[in-house]
Amino acid sequence: MQPSPHDERSWTVANAKAKLSEVIDRAQSTPQTITRNGKPSVVVVSAEEWQRKTARKGTLAEFLMESPLRGAGLDLERQRDEPRDLSL
C-alpha cells in the first residue's frame, strides 16, 4: 500500500530533511515512511521498535525442534549421484 501524499506518516525526502526532528519524534510512536519520486523508499522507526523486530528469538536448534514438520517422516536421504563434469 502506497502512502498518501497527505498521510501524517509519510514524508518526501525534502520535507524529512527540513523537519528531521519531527520525523524522529513521530517515529517514536508510529513508523514514518520517506518517499523518493513518489514511491516509498525507507521507513524510520524508533530504536526500541527496531530492537524488538530484530531480536533473535531462540536458536536454530530450537526453531528446528519446534517445526511442525518434526516427526513428519520426511525422506531426507541425500542423493548419491555422480558429480557433474564442469570442464569446458
Protein backbone atom coordinates (compact mmCIF):
# COMPACT_ATOMS: atom_id res chain seq x y z
CA MET A 1 0.00 0.00 0.00
CA GLN A 2 1.49 3.30 -1.08
CA PRO A 3 1.17 6.13 1.43
CA SER A 4 -0.95 9.12 0.50
CA PRO A 5 0.96 12.39 -0.06
CA HIS A 6 -1.13 13.86 2.77
CA ASP A 7 -0.58 10.96 5.18
CA GLU A 8 0.83 12.17 8.51
CA ARG A 9 3.22 9.18 8.46
CA SER A 10 4.63 9.92 5.01
CA TRP A 11 7.33 12.43 4.13
CA THR A 12 9.12 13.43 0.95
CA VAL A 13 12.91 13.46 1.21
CA ALA A 14 12.90 17.27 1.14
CA ASN A 15 10.29 17.50 3.91
CA ALA A 16 12.06 14.86 6.01
CA LYS A 17 15.33 16.81 5.72
CA ALA A 18 13.65 20.06 6.68
CA LYS A 19 11.76 18.52 9.60
CA LEU A 20 14.05 15.70 10.73
CA SER A 21 13.38 16.34 14.43
CA GLU A 22 9.64 15.98 13.82
CA VAL A 23 10.16 12.79 11.79
CA ILE A 24 12.18 11.34 14.69
CA ASP A 25 9.64 12.45 17.30
CA ARG A 26 6.75 10.87 15.38
CA ALA A 27 8.74 7.68 14.72
CA GLN A 28 8.84 7.10 18.49
CA SER A 29 5.18 6.07 18.31
CA THR A 30 4.47 5.29 14.62
CA PRO A 31 6.77 4.23 11.77
CA GLN A 32 7.41 7.11 9.33
CA THR A 33 7.76 6.50 5.58
CA ILE A 34 10.07 8.65 3.49
CA THR A 35 9.27 8.70 -0.20
CA ARG A 36 11.53 9.39 -3.17
CA ASN A 37 9.99 10.26 -6.53
CA GLY A 38 6.56 9.48 -5.11
CA LYS A 39 7.47 5.93 -4.09
CA PRO A 40 8.15 4.62 -0.57
CA SER A 41 11.91 4.49 -0.08
CA VAL A 42 12.64 3.98 3.63
CA VAL A 43 10.82 3.65 6.93
CA VAL A 44 12.03 5.34 10.10
CA VAL A 45 11.18 3.52 13.33
CA SER A 46 12.16 4.04 16.94
CA ALA A 47 15.26 2.27 18.24
CA GLU A 48 13.00 0.31 20.61
CA GLU A 49 10.85 -0.92 17.71
CA TRP A 50 13.96 -1.84 15.69
CA GLN A 51 15.37 -3.86 18.61
CA ARG A 52 12.04 -5.63 19.07
CA LYS A 53 11.80 -6.53 15.36
CA THR A 54 15.42 -7.70 15.00
CA ALA A 55 15.88 -9.50 18.32
CA ARG A 56 16.88 -13.15 17.97
CA LYS A 57 14.08 -15.38 19.10
CA GLY A 58 15.89 -18.53 20.13
CA THR A 59 18.50 -20.69 18.46
CA LEU A 60 18.38 -22.50 15.14
CA ALA A 61 18.18 -25.79 17.03
CA GLU A 62 15.11 -24.56 18.96
CA PHE A 63 13.49 -23.41 15.71
CA LEU A 64 14.04 -26.80 14.10
CA MET A 65 12.82 -28.68 17.18
CA GLU A 66 9.59 -26.66 17.17
CA SER A 67 8.96 -27.16 13.45
CA PRO A 68 5.56 -28.63 12.56
CA LEU A 69 7.46 -30.92 10.14
CA ARG A 70 9.38 -32.56 13.00
CA GLY A 71 8.43 -36.21 13.10
CA ALA A 72 6.53 -35.99 9.80
CA GLY A 73 8.57 -38.84 8.38
CA LEU A 74 10.08 -36.82 5.54
CA ASP A 75 12.61 -38.71 3.41
CA LEU A 76 15.70 -36.52 3.66
CA GLU A 77 18.18 -39.04 2.30
CA ARG A 78 20.82 -37.41 0.16
CA GLN A 79 21.04 -38.48 -3.48
CA ARG A 80 24.34 -40.15 -4.35
CA ASP A 81 24.60 -39.01 -8.00
CA GLU A 82 27.95 -38.76 -9.71
CA PRO A 83 29.48 -35.25 -9.74
CA ARG A 84 28.88 -33.16 -12.85
CA ASP A 85 31.70 -32.56 -15.30
CA LEU A 86 32.40 -28.83 -15.04
CA SER A 87 35.21 -28.71 -17.59
CA LEU A 88 34.59 -26.82 -20.82
